[in-house]
Structures are given as structure tokens and as C-alpha cells.
Amino acid sequence: MKRLAAVVFFLLLTGSFGAAKDWETAVIIGTSESDVTSPMIRGSKTVMHYTVETKDYLLLLDYTYHPSTKSDTPDEPGKNSPPSLPLGEPTKIAIEGHHAYLLDIHGAEVKMSIKKKTKV
């Protein structure tokens, strides 16, 4: 009986993590960036600000990364450089709570935090 309960619990647990995202079409209409430095953080970090328009919302999204400190290190999108997102062209977005997921030009998901969400 305990084994059956454990199997049912495992199936319910894994089923909740496998929920598909609700993708919709969006357009990135603007970008800007801020460099942030502080004695509390090691090195500096760069915050990319994206303005994204969907059929229902105008979103202000932030994406943070740490720029490479070595000149011979290749840029890795999403780790030490901003993601490759299509500016002014349709892309896909999924909104979940305080985060938005956009698809970059390679089809990879990019997780961003939602700073402001305004109904259109």
C-alpha cells in the first residue's frame, strides 16, 4: 500500500512540473541597458530593459547578466552577453506569475522578470 501511495505521489508531482506554457505572439518594441556596480556584488552586472507588446499587455521586462571580465572569453548568450532577441519582429512569449519567457532567434527560452504590466 505504501508503494502504491509513493507511485501515485510521484506521478502527481512530476505531472505538475510538466505543464506546457501558454505561448502567444509578441513584439519587442524597445530596449535599453543599465550597468550596475556595488561593493556588495563582485564585479559589475548589466541589466537589459525590454519593452514588449502583446495583444493584451504592454510589458517592461528586465534581463540581468554579468559581462565577461576577460577579453579572450567567447560570449555565451544568456551567461555573459544579452540574449539574441528579434527587435521589431514577432516572437513568442509566455507569462507565468512575475516572469515572462521569450523565444530568442535560436528558439531557446529566455526567462525575464516582469517589472511593469499594463493593459493595452
PDB file of N, CA and C in Angstrom:
ATOM      1  N   MET A   1       0.815  -1.188   0.000  1.00  0.00           N
ATOM      2  CA  MET A   1       0.000   0.000   0.000  1.00  0.00           C
ATOM      3  C   MET A   1       0.866   1.263   0.000  1.00  0.00           C
ATOM      4  N   LYS A   2       1.940   1.232   0.781  1.00  0.00           N
ATOM      5  CA  LYS A   2       2.835   2.388   0.825  1.00  0.00           C
ATOM      6  C   LYS A   2       3.490   2.603  -0.533  1.00  0.00           C
ATOM      7  N   ARG A   3       3.815   1.510  -1.194  1.00  0.00           N
ATOM      8  CA  ARG A   3       4.460   1.613  -2.502  1.00  0.00           C
ATOM      9  C   ARG A   3       3.496   2.248  -3.512  1.00  0.00           C
ATOM     10  N   LEU A   4       2.232   1.854  -3.484  1.00  0.00           N
ATOM     11  CA  LEU A   4       1.233   2.430  -4.379  1.00  0.00           C
ATOM     12  C   LEU A   4       1.057   3.921  -4.095  1.00  0.00           C
ATOM     13  N   ALA A   5       1.018   4.294  -2.842  1.00  0.00           N
ATOM     14  CA  ALA A   5       0.893   5.712  -2.477  1.00  0.00           C
ATOM     15  C   ALA A   5       2.109   6.491  -2.954  1.00  0.00           C
ATOM     16  N   ALA A   6       3.287   5.917  -2.849  1.00  0.00           N
ATOM     17  CA  ALA A   6       4.503   6.595  -3.303  1.00  0.00           C
ATOM     18  C   ALA A   6       4.494   6.780  -4.818  1.00  0.00           C
ATOM     19  N   VAL A   7       4.034   5.769  -5.551  1.00  0.00           N
ATOM     20  CA  VAL A   7       3.965   5.862  -7.012  1.00  0.00           C
ATOM     21  C   VAL A   7       2.958   6.923  -7.435  1.00  0.00           C
ATOM     22  N   VAL A   8       1.801   6.950  -6.804  1.00  0.00           N
ATOM     23  CA  VAL A   8       0.778   7.948  -7.133  1.00  0.00           C
ATOM     24  C   VAL A   8       1.301   9.346  -6.813  1.00  0.00           C
ATOM     25  N   PHE A   9       1.933   9.519  -5.679  1.00  0.00           N
ATOM     26  CA  PHE A   9       2.503  10.817  -5.302  1.00  0.00           C
ATOM     27  C   PHE A   9       3.560  11.255  -6.313  1.00  0.00           C
ATOM     28  N   PHE A  10       4.421  10.342  -6.732  1.00  0.00           N
ATOM     29  CA  PHE A  10       5.458  10.669  -7.720  1.00  0.00           C
ATOM     30  C   PHE A  10       4.843  11.085  -9.054  1.00  0.00           C
ATOM     31  N   LEU A  11       3.811  10.383  -9.501  1.00  0.00           N
ATOM     32  CA  LEU A  11       3.150  10.722 -10.758  1.00  0.00           C
ATOM     33  C   LEU A  11       2.478  12.091 -10.685  1.00  0.00           C
ATOM     34  N   LEU A  12       1.846  12.400  -9.573  1.00  0.00           N
ATOM     35  CA  LEU A  12       1.226  13.714  -9.413  1.00  0.00           C
ATOM     36  C   LEU A  12       2.279  14.820  -9.370  1.00  0.00           C
ATOM     37  N   LEU A  13       3.378  14.543  -8.707  1.00  0.00           N
ATOM     38  CA  LEU A  13       4.446  15.533  -8.587  1.00  0.00           C
ATOM     39  C   LEU A  13       5.088  15.820  -9.937  1.00  0.00           C
ATOM     40  N   THR A  14       5.413  14.803 -10.695  1.00  0.00           N
ATOM     41  CA  THR A  14       6.049  15.022 -11.998  1.00  0.00           C
ATOM     42  C   THR A  14       5.073  15.582 -13.012  1.00  0.00           C
ATOM     43  N   GLY A  15       3.812  15.278 -12.889  1.00  0.00           N
ATOM     44  CA  GLY A  15       2.814  15.809 -13.806  1.00  0.00           C
ATOM     45  C   GLY A  15       2.637  17.307 -13.657  1.00  0.00           C
ATOM     46  N   SER A  16       2.782  17.828 -12.447  1.00  0.00           N
ATOM     47  CA  SER A  16       2.607  19.267 -12.243  1.00  0.00           C
ATOM     48  C   SER A  16       3.784  20.059 -12.805  1.00  0.00           C
ATOM     49  N   PHE A  17       4.967  19.474 -12.865  1.00  0.00           N
ATOM     50  CA  PHE A  17       6.118  20.187 -13.409  1.00  0.00           C
ATOM     51  C   PHE A  17       6.131  20.180 -14.932  1.00  0.00           C
ATOM     52  N   GLY A  18       5.412  19.279 -15.533  1.00  0.00           N
ATOM     53  CA  GLY A  18       5.438  19.146 -16.978  1.00  0.00           C
ATOM     54  C   GLY A  18       4.391  19.982 -17.697  1.00  0.00           C
ATOM     55  N   ALA A  19       3.776  20.918 -17.000  1.00  0.00           N
ATOM     56  CA  ALA A  19       2.731  21.726 -17.630  1.00  0.00           C
ATOM     57  C   ALA A  19       3.327  22.580 -18.740  1.00  0.00           C
ATOM     58  N   ALA A  20       2.640  22.602 -19.866  1.00  0.00           N
ATOM     59  CA  ALA A  20       3.115  23.374 -21.019  1.00  0.00           C
ATOM     60  C   ALA A  20       2.821  24.854 -20.810  1.00  0.00           C
ATOM     61  N   LYS A  21       3.675  25.677 -21.367  1.00  0.00           N
ATOM     62  CA  LYS A  21       3.484  27.122 -21.280  1.00  0.00           C
ATOM     63  C   LYS A  21       2.453  27.564 -22.309  1.00  0.00           C
ATOM     64  N   ASP A  22       1.756  28.643 -21.979  1.00  0.00           N
ATOM     65  CA  ASP A  22       0.747  29.212 -22.870  1.00  0.00           C
ATOM     66  C   ASP A  22       1.425  30.291 -23.710  1.00  0.00           C
ATOM     67  N   TRP A  23       1.890  29.933 -24.897  1.00  0.00           N
ATOM     68  CA  TRP A  23       2.635  30.844 -25.758  1.00  0.00           C
ATOM     69  C   TRP A  23       1.689  31.727 -26.554  1.00  0.00           C
ATOM     70  N   GLU A  24       2.052  33.000 -26.716  1.00  0.00           N
ATOM     71  CA  GLU A  24       1.312  33.927 -27.568  1.00  0.00           C
ATOM     72  C   GLU A  24       2.313  34.802 -28.319  1.00  0.00           C
ATOM     73  N   THR A  25       1.821  35.506 -29.313  1.00  0.00           N
ATOM     74  CA  THR A  25       2.692  36.335 -30.143  1.00  0.00           C
ATOM     75  C   THR A  25       2.937  37.683 -29.475  1.00  0.00           C
ATOM     76  N   ALA A  26       4.160  38.179 -29.577  1.00  0.00           N
ATOM     77  CA  ALA A  26       4.537  39.467 -29.004  1.00  0.00           C
ATOM     78  C   ALA A  26       5.579  40.116 -29.910  1.00  0.00           C
ATOM     79  N   VAL A  27       5.773  41.427 -29.720  1.00  0.00           N
ATOM     80  CA  VAL A  27       6.782  42.178 -30.462  1.00  0.00           C
ATOM     81  C   VAL A  27       7.595  42.990 -29.468  1.00  0.00           C
ATOM     82  N   ILE A  28       8.925  42.883 -29.562  1.00  0.00           N
ATOM     83  CA  ILE A  28       9.812  43.699 -28.731  1.00  0.00           C
ATOM     84  C   ILE A  28       9.937  45.045 -29.428  1.00  0.00           C
ATOM     85  N   ILE A  29       9.452  46.109 -28.763  1.00  0.00           N
ATOM     86  CA  ILE A  29       9.417  47.414 -29.422  1.00  0.00           C
ATOM     87  C   ILE A  29      10.510  48.363 -28.932  1.00  0.00           C
ATOM     88  N   GLY A  30      11.255  47.971 -27.894  1.00  0.00           N
ATOM     89  CA  GLY A  30      12.330  48.840 -27.433  1.00  0.00           C
ATOM     90  C   GLY A  30      13.247  48.141 -26.448  1.00  0.00           C
ATOM     91  N   THR A  31      14.501  48.603 -26.410  1.00  0.00           N
ATOM     92  CA  THR A  31      15.473  48.077 -25.454  1.00  0.00           C
ATOM     93  C   THR A  31      16.319  49.212 -24.906  1.00  0.00           C
ATOM     94  N   SER A  32      16.867  49.004 -23.727  1.00  0.00           N
ATOM     95  CA  SER A  32      17.864  49.899 -23.145  1.00  0.00           C
ATOM     96  C   SER A  32      18.669  49.062 -22.166  1.00  0.00           C
ATOM     97  N   GLU A  33      19.739  49.621 -21.655  1.00  0.00           N
ATOM     98  CA  GLU A  33      20.546  48.859 -20.700  1.00  0.00           C
ATOM     99  C   GLU A  33      21.101  49.768 -19.627  1.00  0.00           C
ATOM    100  N   SER A  34      21.350  49.166 -18.451  1.00  0.00           N
ATOM    101  CA  SER A  34      21.936  49.867 -17.312  1.00  0.00           C
ATOM    102  C   SER A  34      23.083  49.026 -16.777  1.00  0.00           C
ATOM    103  N   ASP A  35      24.185  49.664 -16.451  1.00  0.00           N
ATOM    104  CA  ASP A  35      25.299  48.980 -15.796  1.00  0.00           C
ATOM    105  C   ASP A  35      25.184  49.224 -14.300  1.00  0.00           C
ATOM    106  N   VAL A  36      25.273  48.143 -13.525  1.00  0.00           N
ATOM    107  CA  VAL A  36      25.104  48.222 -12.084  1.00  0.00           C
ATOM    108  C   VAL A  36      26.398  47.772 -11.419  1.00  0.00           C
ATOM    109  N   THR A  37      26.910  48.596 -10.520  1.00  0.00           N
ATOM    110  CA  THR A  37      28.077  48.226  -9.731  1.00  0.00           C
ATOM    111  C   THR A  37      27.776  48.537  -8.275  1.00  0.00           C
ATOM    112  N   SER A  38      28.373  47.760  -7.397  1.00  0.00           N
ATOM    113  CA  SER A  38      28.168  47.951  -5.973  1.00  0.00           C
ATOM    114  C   SER A  38      29.279  47.229  -5.233  1.00  0.00           C
ATOM    115  N   PRO A  39      29.654  47.725  -4.058  1.00  0.00           N
ATOM    116  CA  PRO A  39      30.632  46.983  -3.265  1.00  0.00           C
ATOM    117  C   PRO A  39      30.091  45.629  -2.801  1.00  0.00           C
ATOM    118  N   MET A  40      28.772  45.475  -2.815  1.00  0.00           N
ATOM    119  CA  MET A  40      28.163  44.232  -2.342  1.00  0.00           C
ATOM    120  C   MET A  40      28.230  43.109  -3.379  1.00  0.00           C
ATOM    121  N   ILE A  41      28.385  43.443  -4.660  1.00  0.00           N
ATOM    122  CA  ILE A  41      28.463  42.406  -5.687  1.00  0.00           C
ATOM    123  C   ILE A  41      29.867  42.369  -6.265  1.00  0.00           C
ATOM    124  N   ARG A  42      30.288  41.172  -6.625  1.00  0.00           N
ATOM    125  CA  ARG A  42      31.607  41.033  -7.234  1.00  0.00           C
ATOM    126  C   ARG A  42      31.518  41.434  -8.692  1.00  0.00           C
ATOM    127  N   GLY A  43      32.303  42.399  -9.102  1.00  0.00           N
ATOM    128  CA  GLY A  43      32.276  42.844 -10.487  1.00  0.00           C
ATOM    129  C   GLY A  43      31.042  43.674 -10.752  1.00  0.00           C
ATOM    130  N   SER A  44      30.741  43.831 -12.005  1.00  0.00           N
ATOM    131  CA  SER A  44      29.555  44.598 -12.380  1.00  0.00           C
ATOM    132  C   SER A  44      28.550  43.680 -13.050  1.00  0.00           C
ATOM    133  N   LYS A  45      27.334  44.156 -13.155  1.00  0.00           N
ATOM    134  CA  LYS A  45      26.331  43.413 -13.906  1.00  0.00           C
ATOM    135  C   LYS A  45      25.591  44.389 -14.801  1.00  0.00           C
ATOM    136  N   THR A  46      25.053  43.875 -15.861  1.00  0.00           N
ATOM    137  CA  THR A  46      24.320  44.681 -16.828  1.00  0.00           C
ATOM    138  C   THR A  46      22.867  44.227 -16.829  1.00  0.00           C
ATOM    139  N   VAL A  47      21.974  45.201 -16.777  1.00  0.00           N
ATOM    140  CA  VAL A  47      20.544  44.914 -16.818  1.00  0.00           C
ATOM    141  C   VAL A  47      20.010  45.417 -18.147  1.00  0.00           C
ATOM    142  N   MET A  48      19.454  44.511 -18.933  1.00  0.00           N
ATOM    143  CA  MET A  48      18.807  44.867 -20.193  1.00  0.00           C
ATOM    144  C   MET A  48      17.321  45.069 -19.904  1.00  0.00           C
ATOM    145  N   HIS A  49      16.780  46.193 -20.373  1.00  0.00           N
ATOM    146  CA  HIS A  49      15.367  46.515 -20.198  1.00  0.00           C
ATOM    147  C   HIS A  49      14.679  46.352 -21.553  1.00  0.00           C
ATOM    148  N   TYR A  50      13.634  45.567 -21.600  1.00  0.00           N
ATOM    149  CA  TYR A  50      12.902  45.314 -22.838  1.00  0.00           C
ATOM    150  C   TYR A  50      11.462  45.796 -22.689  1.00  0.00           C
ATOM    151  N   THR A  51      10.953  46.461 -23.713  1.00  0.00           N
ATOM    152  CA  THR A  51       9.545  46.829 -23.784  1.00  0.00           C
ATOM    153  C   THR A  51       8.902  45.906 -24.806  1.00  0.00           C
ATOM    154  N   VAL A  52       7.916  45.131 -24.351  1.00  0.00           N
ATOM    155  CA  VAL A  52       7.302  44.100 -25.179  1.00  0.00           C
ATOM    156  C   VAL A  52       5.798  44.359 -25.243  1.00  0.00           C
ATOM    157  N   GLU A  53       5.252  44.259 -26.453  1.00  0.00           N
ATOM    158  CA  GLU A  53       3.824  44.472 -26.648  1.00  0.00           C
ATOM    159  C   GLU A  53       3.161  43.173 -27.099  1.00  0.00           C
ATOM    160  N   THR A  54       2.118  42.771 -26.388  1.00  0.00           N
ATOM    161  CA  THR A  54       1.288  41.639 -26.781  1.00  0.00           C
ATOM    162  C   THR A  54      -0.090  42.193 -27.156  1.00  0.00           C
ATOM    163  N   LYS A  55      -1.010  41.306 -27.503  1.00  0.00           N
ATOM    164  CA  LYS A  55      -2.340  41.810 -27.868  1.00  0.00           C
ATOM    165  C   LYS A  55      -3.089  42.362 -26.655  1.00  0.00           C
ATOM    166  N   ASP A  56      -2.727  41.927 -25.442  1.00  0.00           N
ATOM    167  CA  ASP A  56      -3.419  42.371 -24.233  1.00  0.00           C
ATOM    168  C   ASP A  56      -2.609  43.308 -23.345  1.00  0.00           C
ATOM    169  N   TYR A  57      -1.279  43.214 -23.383  1.00  0.00           N
ATOM    170  CA  TYR A  57      -0.442  43.926 -22.416  1.00  0.00           C
ATOM    171  C   TYR A  57       0.731  44.651 -23.068  1.00  0.00           C
ATOM    172  N   LEU A  58       1.207  45.664 -22.360  1.00  0.00           N
ATOM    173  CA  LEU A  58       2.498  46.290 -22.627  1.00  0.00           C
ATOM    174  C   LEU A  58       3.361  45.946 -21.419  1.00  0.00           C
ATOM    175  N   LEU A  59       4.456  45.233 -21.656  1.00  0.00           N
ATOM    176  CA  LEU A  59       5.286  44.717 -20.568  1.00  0.00           C
ATOM    177  C   LEU A  59       6.642  45.397 -20.549  1.00  0.00           C
ATOM    178  N   LEU A  60       7.136  45.685 -19.348  1.00  0.00           N
ATOM    179  CA  LEU A  60       8.512  46.130 -19.156  1.00  0.00           C
ATOM    180  C   LEU A  60       9.241  44.982 -18.467  1.00  0.00           C
ATOM    181  N   LEU A  61      10.226  44.403 -19.168  1.00  0.00           N
ATOM    182  CA  LEU A  61      10.936  43.224 -18.693  1.00  0.00           C
ATOM    183  C   LEU A  61      12.397  43.547 -18.446  1.00  0.00           C
ATOM    184  N   ASP A  62      12.995  42.887 -17.469  1.00  0.00           N
ATOM    185  CA  ASP A  62      14.427  43.037 -17.172  1.00  0.00           C
ATOM    186  C   ASP A  62      15.125  41.699 -17.313  1.00  0.00           C
ATOM    187  N   TYR A  63      16.340  41.755 -17.880  1.00  0.00           N
ATOM    188  CA  TYR A  63      17.199  40.581 -18.007  1.00  0.00           C
ATOM    189  C   TYR A  63      18.586  40.991 -17.512  1.00  0.00           C
ATOM    190  N   THR A  64      19.128  40.270 -16.533  1.00  0.00           N
ATOM    191  CA  THR A  64      20.410  40.610 -15.928  1.00  0.00           C
ATOM    192  C   THR A  64      21.467  39.581 -16.295  1.00  0.00           C
ATOM    193  N   TYR A  65      22.673  40.082 -16.620  1.00  0.00           N
ATOM    194  CA  TYR A  65      23.803  39.188 -16.883  1.00  0.00           C
ATOM    195  C   TYR A  65      25.083  39.860 -16.413  1.00  0.00           C
ATOM    196  N   HIS A  66      26.111  39.061 -16.223  1.00  0.00           N
ATOM    197  CA  HIS A  66      27.431  39.551 -15.822  1.00  0.00           C
ATOM    198  C   HIS A  66      28.331  39.550 -17.050  1.00  0.00           C
ATOM    199  N   PRO A  67      28.760  40.729 -17.513  1.00  0.00           N
ATOM    200  CA  PRO A  67      29.624  40.760 -18.697  1.00  0.00           C
ATOM    201  C   PRO A  67      30.963  40.073 -18.426  1.00  0.00           C
ATOM    202  N   SER A  68      31.554  39.567 -19.484  1.00  0.00           N
ATOM    203  CA  SER A  68      32.835  38.872 -19.381  1.00  0.00           C
ATOM    204  C   SER A  68      33.920  39.828 -18.909  1.00  0.00           C
ATOM    205  N   THR A  69      34.755  39.365 -17.997  1.00  0.00           N
ATOM    206  CA  THR A  69      35.854  40.195 -17.493  1.00  0.00           C
ATOM    207  C   THR A  69      37.153  39.937 -18.249  1.00  0.00           C
ATOM    208  N   LYS A  70      37.205  38.842 -19.005  1.00  0.00           N
ATOM    209  CA  LYS A  70      38.407  38.511 -19.768  1.00  0.00           C
ATOM    210  C   LYS A  70      38.140  38.751 -21.245  1.00  0.00           C
ATOM    211  N   SER A  71      39.083  39.364 -21.917  1.00  0.00           N
ATOM    212  CA  SER A  71      38.878  39.693 -23.332  1.00  0.00           C
ATOM    213  C   SER A  71      38.923  38.463 -24.231  1.00  0.00           C
ATOM    214  N   ASP A  72      39.570  37.384 -23.801  1.00  0.00           N
ATOM    215  CA  ASP A  72      39.680  36.199 -24.643  1.00  0.00           C
ATOM    216  C   ASP A  72      38.547  35.192 -24.417  1.00  0.00           C
ATOM    217  N   THR A  73      37.591  35.514 -23.549  1.00  0.00           N
ATOM    218  CA  THR A  73      36.475  34.620 -23.284  1.00  0.00           C
ATOM    219  C   THR A  73      35.381  34.852 -24.317  1.00  0.00           C
ATOM    220  N   PRO A  74      34.939  33.798 -25.009  1.00  0.00           N
ATOM    221  CA  PRO A  74      33.865  33.992 -26.005  1.00  0.00           C
ATOM    222  C   PRO A  74      32.547  34.322 -25.309  1.00  0.00           C
ATOM    223  N   ASP A  75      31.751  35.146 -25.977  1.00  0.00           N
ATOM    224  CA  ASP A  75      30.448  35.489 -25.430  1.00  0.00           C
ATOM    225  C   ASP A  75      29.514  34.294 -25.503  1.00  0.00           C
ATOM    226  N   GLU A  76      28.834  34.031 -24.403  1.00  0.00           N
ATOM    227  CA  GLU A  76      27.833  32.978 -24.349  1.00  0.00           C
ATOM    228  C   GLU A  76      26.493  33.657 -24.114  1.00  0.00           C
ATOM    229  N   PRO A  77      25.614  33.694 -25.121  1.00  0.00           N
ATOM    230  CA  PRO A  77      24.325  34.352 -24.929  1.00  0.00           C
ATOM    231  C   PRO A  77      23.601  33.807 -23.706  1.00  0.00           C
ATOM    232  N   GLY A  78      23.162  34.704 -22.848  1.00  0.00           N
ATOM    233  CA  GLY A  78      22.461  34.313 -21.640  1.00  0.00           C
ATOM    234  C   GLY A  78      23.371  34.161 -20.439  1.00  0.00           C
ATOM    235  N   LYS A  79      24.670  34.056 -20.628  1.00  0.00           N
ATOM    236  CA  LYS A  79      25.570  33.929 -19.484  1.00  0.00           C
ATOM    237  C   LYS A  79      26.385  35.207 -19.312  1.00  0.00           C
ATOM    238  N   ASN A  80      27.109  35.624 -20.336  1.00  0.00           N
ATOM    239  CA  ASN A  80      27.899  36.855 -20.221  1.00  0.00           C
ATOM    240  C   ASN A  80      27.616  37.834 -21.345  1.00  0.00           C
ATOM    241  N   SER A  81      26.483  37.674 -22.003  1.00  0.00           N
ATOM    242  CA  SER A  81      26.040  38.628 -23.020  1.00  0.00           C
ATOM    243  C   SER A  81      24.509  38.565 -23.080  1.00  0.00           C
ATOM    244  N   PRO A  82      23.880  39.600 -23.620  1.00  0.00           N
ATOM    245  CA  PRO A  82      22.415  39.573 -23.682  1.00  0.00           C
ATOM    246  C   PRO A  82      21.929  38.524 -24.681  1.00  0.00           C
ATOM    247  N   PRO A  83      20.698  38.063 -24.517  1.00  0.00           N
ATOM    248  CA  PRO A  83      20.167  37.080 -25.463  1.00  0.00           C
ATOM    249  C   PRO A  83      19.932  37.703 -26.826  1.00  0.00           C
ATOM    250  N   SER A  84      19.922  36.887 -27.853  1.00  0.00           N
ATOM    251  CA  SER A  84      19.671  37.346 -29.220  1.00  0.00           C
ATOM    252  C   SER A  84      18.164  37.330 -29.469  1.00  0.00           C
ATOM    253  N   LEU A  85      17.533  38.468 -29.243  1.00  0.00           N
ATOM    254  CA  LEU A  85      16.086  38.576 -29.410  1.00  0.00           C
ATOM    255  C   LEU A  85      15.770  39.422 -30.630  1.00  0.00           C
ATOM    256  N   PRO A  86      14.712  39.074 -31.362  1.00  0.00           N
ATOM    257  CA  PRO A  86      14.356  39.838 -32.569  1.00  0.00           C
ATOM    258  C   PRO A  86      13.650  41.145 -32.200  1.00  0.00           C
ATOM    259  N   LEU A  87      14.264  42.268 -32.515  1.00  0.00           N
ATOM    260  CA  LEU A  87      13.694  43.580 -32.221  1.00  0.00           C
ATOM    261  C   LEU A  87      12.767  43.999 -33.359  1.00  0.00           C
ATOM    262  N   GLY A  88      11.515  44.309 -33.025  1.00  0.00           N
ATOM    263  CA  GLY A  88      10.551  44.766 -34.011  1.00  0.00           C
ATOM    264  C   GLY A  88       9.908  43.674 -34.841  1.00  0.00           C
ATOM    265  N   GLU A  89      10.213  42.427 -34.553  1.00  0.00           N
ATOM    266  CA  GLU A  89       9.639  41.297 -35.290  1.00  0.00           C
ATOM    267  C   GLU A  89       8.832  40.425 -34.327  1.00  0.00           C
ATOM    268  N   PRO A  90       7.825  39.728 -34.825  1.00  0.00           N
ATOM    269  CA  PRO A  90       7.027  38.860 -33.951  1.00  0.00           C
ATOM    270  C   PRO A  90       7.878  37.741 -33.344  1.00  0.00           C
ATOM    271  N   THR A  91       7.635  37.474 -32.078  1.00  0.00           N
ATOM    272  CA  THR A  91       8.259  36.363 -31.367  1.00  0.00           C
ATOM    273  C   THR A  91       7.217  35.767 -30.447  1.00  0.00           C
ATOM    274  N   LYS A  92       7.555  34.742 -29.727  1.00  0.00           N
ATOM    275  CA  LYS A  92       6.619  34.089 -28.815  1.00  0.00           C
ATOM    276  C   LYS A  92       6.955  34.449 -27.377  1.00  0.00           C
ATOM    277  N   ILE A  93       5.905  34.614 -26.559  1.00  0.00           N
ATOM    278  CA  ILE A  93       6.065  34.934 -25.146  1.00  0.00           C
ATOM    279  C   ILE A  93       5.081  34.106 -24.335  1.00  0.00           C
ATOM    280  N   ALA A  94       5.512  33.696 -23.138  1.00  0.00           N
ATOM    281  CA  ALA A  94       4.646  33.019 -22.174  1.00  0.00           C
ATOM    282  C   ALA A  94       4.806  33.760 -20.851  1.00  0.00           C
ATOM    283  N   ILE A  95       3.699  34.096 -20.235  1.00  0.00           N
ATOM    284  CA  ILE A  95       3.719  34.841 -18.969  1.00  0.00           C
ATOM    285  C   ILE A  95       3.273  33.904 -17.863  1.00  0.00           C
ATOM    286  N   GLU A  96       4.114  33.790 -16.827  1.00  0.00           N
ATOM    287  CA  GLU A  96       3.809  32.945 -15.671  1.00  0.00           C
ATOM    288  C   GLU A  96       4.172  33.702 -14.411  1.00  0.00           C
ATOM    289  N   GLY A  97       3.185  34.216 -13.714  1.00  0.00           N
ATOM    290  CA  GLY A  97       3.427  34.943 -12.471  1.00  0.00           C
ATOM    291  C   GLY A  97       4.212  36.219 -12.720  1.00  0.00           C
ATOM    292  N   HIS A  98       5.356  36.363 -12.056  1.00  0.00           N
ATOM    293  CA  HIS A  98       6.194  37.550 -12.187  1.00  0.00           C
ATOM    294  C   HIS A  98       7.301  37.376 -13.219  1.00  0.00           C
ATOM    295  N   HIS A  99       7.216  36.318 -14.026  1.00  0.00           N
ATOM    296  CA  HIS A  99       8.236  36.050 -15.035  1.00  0.00           C
ATOM    297  C   HIS A  99       7.616  35.903 -16.422  1.00  0.00           C
ATOM    298  N   ALA A 100       8.391  36.274 -17.417  1.00  0.00           N
ATOM    299  CA  ALA A 100       7.995  36.089 -18.810  1.00  0.00           C
ATOM    300  C   ALA A 100       9.089  35.283 -19.491  1.00  0.00           C
ATOM    301  N   TYR A 101       8.701  34.416 -20.398  1.00  0.00           N
ATOM    302  CA  TYR A 101       9.622  33.600 -21.171  1.00  0.00           C
ATOM    303  C   TYR A 101       9.486  33.997 -22.628  1.00  0.00           C
ATOM    304  N   LEU A 102      10.569  34.446 -23.239  1.00  0.00           N
ATOM    305  CA  LEU A 102      10.574  34.796 -24.652  1.00  0.00           C
ATOM    306  C   LEU A 102      11.436  33.801 -25.403  1.00  0.00           C
ATOM    307  N   LEU A 103      11.115  33.583 -26.668  1.00  0.00           N
ATOM    308  CA  LEU A 103      11.937  32.726 -27.517  1.00  0.00           C
ATOM    309  C   LEU A 103      12.926  33.605 -28.263  1.00  0.00           C
ATOM    310  N   ASP A 104      14.225  33.265 -28.184  1.00  0.00           N
ATOM    311  CA  ASP A 104      15.233  34.027 -28.917  1.00  0.00           C
ATOM    312  C   ASP A 104      15.272  33.568 -30.371  1.00  0.00           C
ATOM    313  N   ILE A 105      16.204  34.111 -31.148  1.00  0.00           N
ATOM    314  CA  ILE A 105      16.241  33.800 -32.581  1.00  0.00           C
ATOM    315  C   ILE A 105      16.635  32.347 -32.855  1.00  0.00           C
ATOM    316  N   HIS A 106      17.184  31.672 -31.840  1.00  0.00           N
ATOM    317  CA  HIS A 106      17.563  30.263 -31.988  1.00  0.00           C
ATOM    318  C   HIS A 106      16.478  29.320 -31.467  1.00  0.00           C
ATOM    319  N   GLY A 107      15.392  29.884 -30.916  1.00  0.00           N
ATOM    320  CA  GLY A 107      14.312  29.070 -30.390  1.00  0.00           C
ATOM    321  C   GLY A 107      14.463  28.686 -28.933  1.00  0.00           C
ATOM    322  N   ALA A 108      15.466  29.211 -28.252  1.00  0.00           N
ATOM    323  CA  ALA A 108      15.672  28.904 -26.835  1.00  0.00           C
ATOM    324  C   ALA A 108      14.848  29.855 -25.969  1.00  0.00           C
ATOM    325  N   GLU A 109      14.371  29.339 -24.826  1.00  0.00           N
ATOM    326  CA  GLU A 109      13.606  30.158 -23.897  1.00  0.00           C
ATOM    327  C   GLU A 109      14.524  31.065 -23.097  1.00  0.00           C
ATOM    328  N   VAL A 110      14.115  32.322 -22.935  1.00  0.00           N
ATOM    329  CA  VAL A 110      14.854  33.295 -22.134  1.00  0.00           C
ATOM    330  C   VAL A 110      13.915  33.768 -21.033  1.00  0.00           C
ATOM    331  N   LYS A 111      14.305  33.544 -19.772  1.00  0.00           N
ATOM    332  CA  LYS A 111      13.472  33.927 -18.633  1.00  0.00           C
ATOM    333  C   LYS A 111      13.806  35.354 -18.213  1.00  0.00           C
ATOM    334  N   MET A 112      12.768  36.189 -18.076  1.00  0.00           N
ATOM    335  CA  MET A 112      12.939  37.583 -17.673  1.00  0.00           C
ATOM    336  C   MET A 112      11.949  37.911 -16.568  1.00  0.00           C
ATOM    337  N   SER A 113      12.319  38.881 -15.753  1.00  0.00           N
ATOM    338  CA  SER A 113      11.401  39.313 -14.706  1.00  0.00           C
ATOM    339  C   SER A 113      10.532  40.447 -15.223  1.00  0.00           C
ATOM    340  N   ILE A 114       9.263  40.422 -14.843  1.00  0.00           N
ATOM    341  CA  ILE A 114       8.305  41.451 -15.248  1.00  0.00           C
ATOM    342  C   ILE A 114       8.376  42.589 -14.238  1.00  0.00           C
ATOM    343  N   LYS A 115       8.697  43.780 -14.697  1.00  0.00           N
ATOM    344  CA  LYS A 115       8.772  44.940 -13.819  1.00  0.00           C
ATOM    345  C   LYS A 115       7.482  45.747 -13.834  1.00  0.00           C
ATOM    346  N   LYS A 116       6.803  45.778 -14.984  1.00  0.00           N
ATOM    347  CA  LYS A 116       5.543  46.503 -15.097  1.00  0.00           C
ATOM    348  C   LYS A 116       4.693  45.840 -16.164  1.00  0.00           C
ATOM    349  N   LYS A 117       3.391  45.746 -15.886  1.00  0.00           N
ATOM    350  CA  LYS A 117       2.455  45.102 -16.796  1.00  0.00           C
ATOM    351  C   LYS A 117       1.237  46.012 -16.925  1.00  0.00           C
ATOM    352  N   THR A 118       1.000  46.549 -18.118  1.00  0.00           N
ATOM    353  CA  THR A 118      -0.079  47.489 -18.347  1.00  0.00           C
ATOM    354  C   THR A 118      -1.017  46.934 -19.407  1.00  0.00           C
ATOM    355  N   LYS A 119      -2.327  46.992 -19.125  1.00  0.00           N
ATOM    356  CA  LYS A 119      -3.307  46.547 -20.127  1.00  0.00           C
ATOM    357  C   LYS A 119      -3.309  47.530 -21.288  1.00  0.00           C
ATOM    358  N   VAL A 120      -3.436  46.983 -22.509  1.00  0.00           N
ATOM    359  CA  VAL A 120      -3.460  47.831 -23.710  1.00  0.00           C
ATOM    360  C   VAL A 120      -4.877  48.239 -24.005  1.00  0.00           C
TER     361      VAL A 120
END
